[in-house]
Amino acid sequence: MGREYPEGMANLDRIFRDYEVQLNAAKVRGIEQDAQEVRRHEFSRVQHMDRFAAQIGELITCFTVDSQRLIGVLDGIGQGWIQLNTRAESLVIPLTAIDFWEGGNKFSHVDASSVNRKLSFAFALRALSRARADVRFYHVSGSMSEGVIERVGADFVEVSVRGEDEKGRTQRGMRVLPLSSVIAVGS
């Protein structure tokens, strides 16, 4: 003769099933929390230039330390600088001149070493010098220097600028610009 279980045993079976469901749910929550922690840890290793690298080809807005707002498509990055193509000109902007930036894809990042030009800001200026291009230097003070880059030192640049003498004749003079005073270089 089979033994019948009292009704309390059936309740016990439901309790065990409920407990298994709770354990599985807790396990899933633990896995989700672990995954979130891994994502936070991975993101904590993302460098500023990695975020910029992911924005190449994207429209961004850079706010500079002199309160300028520069809007354009990020065209490239280098060691300590970015290249931004605005409607009016192509700008090379040292990172030290950027107060903050907005736009682009906020969810992405790319290892900057995969797209980073190994060129320093001074090297980028030397390339403009070799091209003998007319350039505009935008300064922290709000002033501007326009001319042709003649030579680039370690922390300064010499620019041949045009000016007028007291009789209104055009003259060229040499201007020495500390790189620390430069917000952007346009060409």
C-alpha atoms as a PDB file:
ATOM      1  CA  MET A   1       0.000   0.000   0.000  1.00  0.00           C
ATOM      2  CA  GLY A   2       1.298   3.355  -1.001  1.00  0.00           C
ATOM      3  CA  ARG A   3       1.849   5.929   1.561  1.00  0.00           C
ATOM      4  CA  GLU A   4       0.084   9.235   1.112  1.00  0.00           C
ATOM      5  CA  TYR A   5       1.822  12.405   2.052  1.00  0.00           C
ATOM      6  CA  PRO A   6       0.000  14.848   4.160  1.00  0.00           C
ATOM      7  CA  GLU A   7      -0.972  18.148   2.586  1.00  0.00           C
ATOM      8  CA  GLY A   8       1.932  19.840   4.380  1.00  0.00           C
ATOM      9  CA  MET A   9       4.375  17.947   2.148  1.00  0.00           C
ATOM     10  CA  ALA A  10       2.767  19.355  -0.995  1.00  0.00           C
ATOM     11  CA  ASN A  11       3.221  22.821   0.502  1.00  0.00           C
ATOM     12  CA  LEU A  12       6.825  21.939   1.240  1.00  0.00           C
ATOM     13  CA  ASP A  13       7.325  20.996  -2.410  1.00  0.00           C
ATOM     14  CA  ARG A  14       5.934  24.422  -3.470  1.00  0.00           C
ATOM     15  CA  ILE A  15       8.225  26.109  -0.952  1.00  0.00           C
ATOM     16  CA  PHE A  16      11.261  24.304  -2.431  1.00  0.00           C
ATOM     17  CA  ARG A  17      10.267  25.247  -5.986  1.00  0.00           C
ATOM     18  CA  ASP A  18       9.763  28.871  -4.918  1.00  0.00           C
ATOM     19  CA  TYR A  19      13.144  28.799  -3.207  1.00  0.00           C
ATOM     20  CA  GLU A  20      14.773  27.451  -6.415  1.00  0.00           C
ATOM     21  CA  VAL A  21      13.159  30.248  -8.437  1.00  0.00           C
ATOM     22  CA  GLN A  22      14.460  32.811  -5.936  1.00  0.00           C
ATOM     23  CA  LEU A  23      17.961  31.290  -6.059  1.00  0.00           C
ATOM     24  CA  ASN A  24      17.973  31.379  -9.870  1.00  0.00           C
ATOM     25  CA  ALA A  25      16.741  34.992  -9.862  1.00  0.00           C
ATOM     26  CA  ALA A  26      19.437  35.935  -7.350  1.00  0.00           C
ATOM     27  CA  LYS A  27      22.033  34.202  -9.520  1.00  0.00           C
ATOM     28  CA  VAL A  28      20.856  36.147 -12.595  1.00  0.00           C
ATOM     29  CA  ARG A  29      20.935  39.421 -10.616  1.00  0.00           C
ATOM     30  CA  GLY A  30      24.457  38.574  -9.447  1.00  0.00           C
ATOM     31  CA  ILE A  31      25.580  37.918 -13.014  1.00  0.00           C
ATOM     32  CA  GLU A  32      24.001  41.197 -14.189  1.00  0.00           C
ATOM     33  CA  GLN A  33      25.667  43.109 -11.353  1.00  0.00           C
ATOM     34  CA  ASP A  34      29.010  41.479 -12.174  1.00  0.00           C
ATOM     35  CA  ALA A  35      28.588  42.436 -15.843  1.00  0.00           C
ATOM     36  CA  GLN A  36      27.808  46.040 -14.881  1.00  0.00           C
ATOM     37  CA  GLU A  37      30.886  46.144 -12.648  1.00  0.00           C
ATOM     38  CA  VAL A  38      33.044  44.765 -15.480  1.00  0.00           C
ATOM     39  CA  ARG A  39      31.679  47.464 -17.845  1.00  0.00           C
ATOM     40  CA  ARG A  40      32.372  50.193 -15.266  1.00  0.00           C
ATOM     41  CA  HIS A  41      35.887  48.861 -14.734  1.00  0.00           C
ATOM     42  CA  GLU A  42      36.562  48.696 -18.477  1.00  0.00           C
ATOM     43  CA  PHE A  43      35.268  52.237 -18.970  1.00  0.00           C
ATOM     44  CA  SER A  44      37.457  53.497 -16.119  1.00  0.00           C
ATOM     45  CA  ARG A  45      40.478  52.644 -18.290  1.00  0.00           C
ATOM     46  CA  VAL A  46      39.252  54.680 -21.297  1.00  0.00           C
ATOM     47  CA  GLN A  47      41.494  57.680 -21.934  1.00  0.00           C
ATOM     48  CA  HIS A  48      40.296  61.088 -23.125  1.00  0.00           C
ATOM     49  CA  MET A  49      41.978  60.577 -26.503  1.00  0.00           C
ATOM     50  CA  ASP A  50      40.146  57.225 -26.843  1.00  0.00           C
ATOM     51  CA  ARG A  51      36.862  59.128 -26.625  1.00  0.00           C
ATOM     52  CA  PHE A  52      38.117  61.644 -29.212  1.00  0.00           C
ATOM     53  CA  ALA A  53      39.284  58.807 -31.488  1.00  0.00           C
ATOM     54  CA  ALA A  54      35.763  57.410 -31.604  1.00  0.00           C
ATOM     55  CA  GLN A  55      34.447  60.786 -32.733  1.00  0.00           C
ATOM     56  CA  ILE A  56      36.496  61.035 -35.938  1.00  0.00           C
ATOM     57  CA  GLY A  57      34.062  61.964 -38.677  1.00  0.00           C
ATOM     58  CA  GLU A  58      31.473  63.164 -36.134  1.00  0.00           C
ATOM     59  CA  LEU A  59      30.207  66.694 -35.551  1.00  0.00           C
ATOM     60  CA  ILE A  60      31.447  68.014 -32.191  1.00  0.00           C
ATOM     61  CA  THR A  61      31.533  71.339 -30.381  1.00  0.00           C
ATOM     62  CA  CYS A  62      34.696  72.383 -28.546  1.00  0.00           C
ATOM     63  CA  PHE A  63      34.526  75.075 -25.895  1.00  0.00           C
ATOM     64  CA  THR A  64      37.931  76.678 -25.463  1.00  0.00           C
ATOM     65  CA  VAL A  65      39.560  78.229 -22.415  1.00  0.00           C
ATOM     66  CA  ASP A  66      38.972  81.688 -23.919  1.00  0.00           C
ATOM     67  CA  SER A  67      35.203  81.002 -24.147  1.00  0.00           C
ATOM     68  CA  GLN A  68      35.117  80.326 -27.886  1.00  0.00           C
ATOM     69  CA  ARG A  69      32.697  77.754 -29.240  1.00  0.00           C
ATOM     70  CA  LEU A  70      34.168  75.857 -32.198  1.00  0.00           C
ATOM     71  CA  ILE A  71      31.788  73.595 -34.120  1.00  0.00           C
ATOM     72  CA  GLY A  72      33.009  71.176 -36.740  1.00  0.00           C
ATOM     73  CA  VAL A  73      33.733  67.650 -37.828  1.00  0.00           C
ATOM     74  CA  LEU A  74      36.603  65.976 -36.006  1.00  0.00           C
ATOM     75  CA  ASP A  75      39.040  65.077 -38.760  1.00  0.00           C
ATOM     76  CA  GLY A  76      42.002  63.695 -36.815  1.00  0.00           C
ATOM     77  CA  ILE A  77      43.924  63.520 -33.585  1.00  0.00           C
ATOM     78  CA  GLY A  78      47.576  63.721 -32.691  1.00  0.00           C
ATOM     79  CA  GLN A  79      49.687  63.791 -29.577  1.00  0.00           C
ATOM     80  CA  GLY A  80      48.094  66.587 -27.609  1.00  0.00           C
ATOM     81  CA  TRP A  81      45.927  68.074 -30.379  1.00  0.00           C
ATOM     82  CA  ILE A  82      42.882  67.545 -32.564  1.00  0.00           C
ATOM     83  CA  GLN A  83      41.990  68.663 -36.082  1.00  0.00           C
ATOM     84  CA  LEU A  84      38.513  70.143 -36.435  1.00  0.00           C
ATOM     85  CA  ASN A  85      37.008  71.080 -39.808  1.00  0.00           C
ATOM     86  CA  THR A  86      34.602  73.970 -39.377  1.00  0.00           C
ATOM     87  CA  ARG A  87      32.541  75.610 -42.125  1.00  0.00           C
ATOM     88  CA  ALA A  88      35.128  78.378 -42.434  1.00  0.00           C
ATOM     89  CA  GLU A  89      38.456  76.610 -41.997  1.00  0.00           C
ATOM     90  CA  SER A  90      40.397  73.621 -40.776  1.00  0.00           C
ATOM     91  CA  LEU A  91      41.664  74.103 -37.215  1.00  0.00           C
ATOM     92  CA  VAL A  92      44.440  72.411 -35.289  1.00  0.00           C
ATOM     93  CA  ILE A  93      43.584  72.783 -31.603  1.00  0.00           C
ATOM     94  CA  PRO A  94      45.910  71.866 -28.725  1.00  0.00           C
ATOM     95  CA  LEU A  95      44.123  69.853 -26.025  1.00  0.00           C
ATOM     96  CA  THR A  96      45.294  72.333 -23.407  1.00  0.00           C
ATOM     97  CA  ALA A  97      43.074  74.936 -25.105  1.00  0.00           C
ATOM     98  CA  ILE A  98      39.917  72.808 -24.814  1.00  0.00           C
ATOM     99  CA  ASP A  99      37.873  73.472 -21.704  1.00  0.00           C
ATOM    100  CA  PHE A 100      35.283  70.812 -22.615  1.00  0.00           C
ATOM    101  CA  TRP A 101      33.543  69.353 -25.652  1.00  0.00           C
ATOM    102  CA  GLU A 102      30.140  67.980 -26.596  1.00  0.00           C
ATOM    103  CA  GLY A 103      28.557  65.950 -29.363  1.00  0.00           C
ATOM    104  CA  GLY A 104      29.563  62.904 -31.269  1.00  0.00           C
ATOM    105  CA  ASN A 105      28.633  59.430 -30.128  1.00  0.00           C
ATOM    106  CA  LYS A 106      28.535  59.351 -26.341  1.00  0.00           C
ATOM    107  CA  PHE A 107      28.560  55.583 -26.125  1.00  0.00           C
ATOM    108  CA  SER A 108      31.663  54.819 -28.132  1.00  0.00           C
ATOM    109  CA  HIS A 109      35.365  54.754 -27.623  1.00  0.00           C
ATOM    110  CA  VAL A 110      38.245  53.512 -29.737  1.00  0.00           C
ATOM    111  CA  ASP A 111      41.812  52.790 -28.730  1.00  0.00           C
ATOM    112  CA  ALA A 112      43.414  56.087 -29.726  1.00  0.00           C
ATOM    113  CA  SER A 113      46.651  54.358 -30.689  1.00  0.00           C
ATOM    114  CA  SER A 114      44.812  52.806 -33.642  1.00  0.00           C
ATOM    115  CA  VAL A 115      44.062  56.233 -35.163  1.00  0.00           C
ATOM    116  CA  ASN A 116      46.368  58.586 -33.282  1.00  0.00           C
ATOM    117  CA  ARG A 117      48.856  60.406 -35.389  1.00  0.00           C
ATOM    118  CA  LYS A 118      52.192  60.170 -33.647  1.00  0.00           C
ATOM    119  CA  LEU A 119      52.772  63.807 -34.465  1.00  0.00           C
ATOM    120  CA  SER A 120      53.082  66.436 -31.777  1.00  0.00           C
ATOM    121  CA  PHE A 121      51.396  69.834 -32.059  1.00  0.00           C
ATOM    122  CA  ALA A 122      54.766  71.389 -32.971  1.00  0.00           C
ATOM    123  CA  PHE A 123      55.258  68.758 -35.686  1.00  0.00           C
ATOM    124  CA  ALA A 124      51.819  69.599 -37.153  1.00  0.00           C
ATOM    125  CA  LEU A 125      52.878  73.259 -37.232  1.00  0.00           C
ATOM    126  CA  ARG A 126      56.134  72.297 -39.001  1.00  0.00           C
ATOM    127  CA  ALA A 127      54.043  70.593 -41.704  1.00  0.00           C
ATOM    128  CA  LEU A 128      52.103  73.838 -42.178  1.00  0.00           C
ATOM    129  CA  SER A 129      55.413  75.697 -42.321  1.00  0.00           C
ATOM    130  CA  ARG A 130      56.734  73.415 -45.076  1.00  0.00           C
ATOM    131  CA  ALA A 131      53.520  73.988 -47.042  1.00  0.00           C
ATOM    132  CA  ARG A 132      54.064  77.773 -46.737  1.00  0.00           C
ATOM    133  CA  ALA A 133      50.347  78.078 -46.056  1.00  0.00           C
ATOM    134  CA  ASP A 134      48.766  81.270 -44.778  1.00  0.00           C
ATOM    135  CA  VAL A 135      47.532  80.503 -41.283  1.00  0.00           C
ATOM    136  CA  ARG A 136      45.699  82.252 -38.477  1.00  0.00           C
ATOM    137  CA  PHE A 137      46.732  81.836 -34.864  1.00  0.00           C
ATOM    138  CA  TYR A 138      43.924  82.420 -32.383  1.00  0.00           C
ATOM    139  CA  HIS A 139      45.308  83.446 -28.995  1.00  0.00           C
ATOM    140  CA  VAL A 140      44.082  82.999 -25.436  1.00  0.00           C
ATOM    141  CA  SER A 141      43.809  86.791 -25.192  1.00  0.00           C
ATOM    142  CA  GLY A 142      41.275  86.873 -28.021  1.00  0.00           C
ATOM    143  CA  SER A 143      43.732  88.419 -30.488  1.00  0.00           C
ATOM    144  CA  MET A 144      44.798  86.828 -33.747  1.00  0.00           C
ATOM    145  CA  SER A 145      48.070  86.587 -35.680  1.00  0.00           C
ATOM    146  CA  GLU A 146      47.932  85.911 -39.394  1.00  0.00           C
ATOM    147  CA  GLY A 147      50.825  85.012 -41.642  1.00  0.00           C
ATOM    148  CA  VAL A 148      53.177  82.249 -42.730  1.00  0.00           C
ATOM    149  CA  ILE A 149      54.966  80.005 -40.272  1.00  0.00           C
ATOM    150  CA  GLU A 150      58.700  80.472 -40.696  1.00  0.00           C
ATOM    151  CA  ARG A 151      60.119  78.273 -37.932  1.00  0.00           C
ATOM    152  CA  VAL A 152      58.833  76.155 -35.062  1.00  0.00           C
ATOM    153  CA  GLY A 153      60.770  75.757 -31.841  1.00  0.00           C
ATOM    154  CA  ALA A 154      60.115  73.413 -28.948  1.00  0.00           C
ATOM    155  CA  ASP A 155      57.564  75.709 -27.320  1.00  0.00           C
ATOM    156  CA  PHE A 156      57.186  78.671 -29.698  1.00  0.00           C
ATOM    157  CA  VAL A 157      56.602  79.513 -33.338  1.00  0.00           C
ATOM    158  CA  GLU A 158      57.930  82.345 -35.508  1.00  0.00           C
ATOM    159  CA  VAL A 159      55.380  83.780 -37.918  1.00  0.00           C
ATOM    160  CA  SER A 160      56.001  86.189 -40.774  1.00  0.00           C
ATOM    161  CA  VAL A 161      53.102  88.638 -40.409  1.00  0.00           C
ATOM    162  CA  ARG A 162      51.892  91.356 -42.730  1.00  0.00           C
ATOM    163  CA  GLY A 163      51.375  94.854 -41.485  1.00  0.00           C
ATOM    164  CA  GLU A 164      51.332  98.407 -42.683  1.00  0.00           C
ATOM    165  CA  ASP A 165      53.847 101.089 -41.920  1.00  0.00           C
ATOM    166  CA  GLU A 166      52.888 104.681 -41.125  1.00  0.00           C
ATOM    167  CA  LYS A 167      52.637 105.454 -44.861  1.00  0.00           C
ATOM    168  CA  GLY A 168      50.213 102.546 -45.493  1.00  0.00           C
ATOM    169  CA  ARG A 169      52.763 100.349 -47.238  1.00  0.00           C
ATOM    170  CA  THR A 170      52.549  96.620 -46.625  1.00  0.00           C
ATOM    171  CA  GLN A 171      55.470  95.214 -44.710  1.00  0.00           C
ATOM    172  CA  ARG A 172      56.353  91.835 -43.338  1.00  0.00           C
ATOM    173  CA  GLY A 173      57.544  91.441 -39.805  1.00  0.00           C
ATOM    174  CA  MET A 174      58.446  88.519 -37.580  1.00  0.00           C
ATOM    175  CA  ARG A 175      56.238  87.630 -34.618  1.00  0.00           C
ATOM    176  CA  VAL A 176      57.256  85.079 -31.968  1.00  0.00           C
ATOM    177  CA  LEU A 177      54.312  83.225 -30.439  1.00  0.00           C
ATOM    178  CA  PRO A 178      54.583  81.006 -27.352  1.00  0.00           C
ATOM    179  CA  LEU A 179      52.632  77.827 -28.078  1.00  0.00           C
ATOM    180  CA  SER A 180      51.011  78.148 -24.646  1.00  0.00           C
ATOM    181  CA  SER A 181      49.156  81.252 -25.914  1.00  0.00           C
ATOM    182  CA  VAL A 182      47.626  79.452 -28.913  1.00  0.00           C
ATOM    183  CA  ILE A 183      43.972  78.382 -28.808  1.00  0.00           C
ATOM    184  CA  ALA A 184      43.809  77.187 -32.412  1.00  0.00           C
ATOM    185  CA  VAL A 185      45.589  77.408 -35.747  1.00  0.00           C
ATOM    186  CA  GLY A 186      43.416  77.844 -38.819  1.00  0.00           C
ATOM    187  CA  SER A 187      44.299  77.280 -42.439  1.00  0.00           C
END
